[in-house]
Every structure is written in structure tokens, then in C-alpha cells.
Amino acid sequence: MKIKEKEFEDILVDLKALAAQLGAEIRFEKGDFKGGYCLLKDSKVVVINKMANLQKKVMILSMALKELGIDDMYLTPKLREIIDEMADMK
């Protein structure tokens, strides 16, 4: 699927809303790391390097959402396809 650069902003908003539904906190931090999902004192946290480009942020958040478990949730077919495709890019 070809995604235009402008679409990544909307996709990131949708993914952040999905993470909130799953009870995960999204943190954009600065540092020498890629990011991903972790448990911090029983809290679900997804840390994303705020210096990464939009596509990389979407990819990291997609991988984290797959780890959190979105298989049983209703997602629009387009959003599910984006998450599957981005999570597989690694």
C-alpha cells in the first residue's frame, strides 16, 4: 500500500486513539533509541523517539499495537492493513 506523507499525520492520530482505547500511554521522548512497547510499574507505555520521522513513528506504534493485542478489536480494513503492513516492515 502506498501511503502519502500527508496521510501519516492522520494515521498517527488514529493509532494514538487506538492505543488510548487499549489503556496504553504514548510518550514521545528524545534520546538514542528506536522505541517500542513496555510495561512500567503495571502501566502500558509506548515510547517513541520524537526525533523519528512520521513513517517511523507510525511503524513503531503499529508494532506496539500488535504486541498489545488488537486482533479482537474492530478496526477499519484500511487501518488494519496499515498496521499489519507497517508492523511487518521492521
Protein backbone atom coordinates (compact mmCIF):
# COMPACT_ATOMS: atom_id res chain seq x y z
CA MET A 1 0.00 0.00 0.00
CA LYS A 2 1.36 3.39 -0.96
CA ILE A 3 0.82 5.99 1.73
CA LYS A 4 1.35 9.68 1.07
CA GLU A 5 3.42 11.67 3.55
CA LYS A 6 0.44 13.85 4.49
CA GLU A 7 -1.60 10.75 5.39
CA PHE A 8 0.90 9.68 8.05
CA GLU A 9 -0.26 12.51 10.36
CA ASP A 10 -3.87 11.27 10.25
CA ILE A 11 -2.77 7.66 10.66
CA LEU A 12 -0.68 8.61 13.71
CA VAL A 13 -3.72 10.30 15.27
CA ASP A 14 -5.83 7.17 14.65
CA LEU A 15 -3.15 4.90 16.12
CA LYS A 16 -2.79 7.10 19.21
CA ALA A 17 -6.56 6.90 19.75
CA LEU A 18 -6.42 3.13 19.40
CA ALA A 19 -3.61 2.93 21.95
CA ALA A 20 -5.70 5.01 24.36
CA GLN A 21 -8.58 2.53 23.95
CA LEU A 22 -6.16 -0.22 24.96
CA GLY A 23 -5.10 1.75 28.03
CA ALA A 24 -1.59 2.47 26.77
CA GLU A 25 0.21 5.74 27.32
CA ILE A 26 2.14 7.13 24.35
CA ARG A 27 5.31 9.03 25.21
CA PHE A 28 7.41 10.89 22.68
CA GLU A 29 10.89 11.22 24.15
CA LYS A 30 14.25 12.43 22.91
CA GLY A 31 17.20 10.06 23.02
CA ASP A 32 19.29 7.40 21.35
CA PHE A 33 16.65 4.67 20.92
CA LYS A 34 14.07 3.48 18.41
CA GLY A 35 11.14 2.95 20.75
CA GLY A 36 8.50 0.36 21.41
CA TYR A 37 6.08 -1.10 23.93
CA CYS A 38 6.97 -1.81 27.55
CA LEU A 39 5.40 -2.28 30.96
CA LEU A 40 6.34 0.30 33.55
CA LYS A 41 5.01 -0.46 37.03
CA ASP A 42 1.93 -2.22 35.64
CA SER A 43 1.30 0.62 33.15
CA LYS A 44 1.32 0.01 29.41
CA VAL A 45 3.68 2.52 27.83
CA VAL A 46 4.74 3.02 24.24
CA VAL A 47 7.86 5.13 23.93
CA ILE A 48 8.63 6.68 20.57
CA ASN A 49 11.67 8.74 19.66
CA LYS A 50 10.29 12.19 18.92
CA MET A 51 13.16 12.84 16.51
CA ALA A 52 12.00 10.00 14.22
CA ASN A 53 10.14 10.83 11.01
CA LEU A 54 6.38 10.30 10.76
CA GLN A 55 6.67 6.99 8.93
CA LYS A 56 9.00 5.59 11.61
CA LYS A 57 6.64 6.78 14.38
CA VAL A 58 3.71 5.04 12.66
CA MET A 59 5.81 1.87 12.23
CA ILE A 60 6.84 1.76 15.91
CA LEU A 61 3.32 2.44 17.11
CA SER A 62 1.92 -0.21 14.76
CA MET A 63 4.33 -2.82 16.14
CA ALA A 64 3.44 -1.83 19.70
CA LEU A 65 -0.30 -2.10 19.00
CA LYS A 66 0.16 -5.60 17.59
CA GLU A 67 2.00 -6.54 20.80
CA LEU A 68 -0.82 -5.05 22.88
CA GLY A 69 -3.31 -7.24 21.04
CA ILE A 70 -5.67 -5.70 18.51
CA ASP A 71 -6.81 -8.93 16.85
CA ASP A 72 -10.21 -8.96 18.59
CA MET A 73 -10.88 -5.23 18.09
CA TYR A 74 -12.88 -3.75 15.26
CA LEU A 75 -10.69 -1.63 13.00
CA THR A 76 -11.47 -0.25 9.60
CA PRO A 77 -9.99 -2.52 6.94
CA LYS A 78 -7.65 0.26 5.80
CA LEU A 79 -6.32 0.88 9.32
CA ARG A 80 -5.82 -2.85 9.93
CA GLU A 81 -3.95 -3.16 6.63
CA ILE A 82 -1.74 -0.21 7.52
CA ILE A 83 -0.94 -1.64 10.96
CA ASP A 84 -0.16 -5.08 9.52
CA GLU A 85 2.00 -3.68 6.77
CA MET A 86 3.89 -1.20 8.95
CA ALA A 87 4.47 -3.70 11.76
CA ASP A 88 5.99 -6.16 9.30
CA MET A 89 8.47 -3.60 7.91
CA LYS A 90 10.76 -3.57 10.97
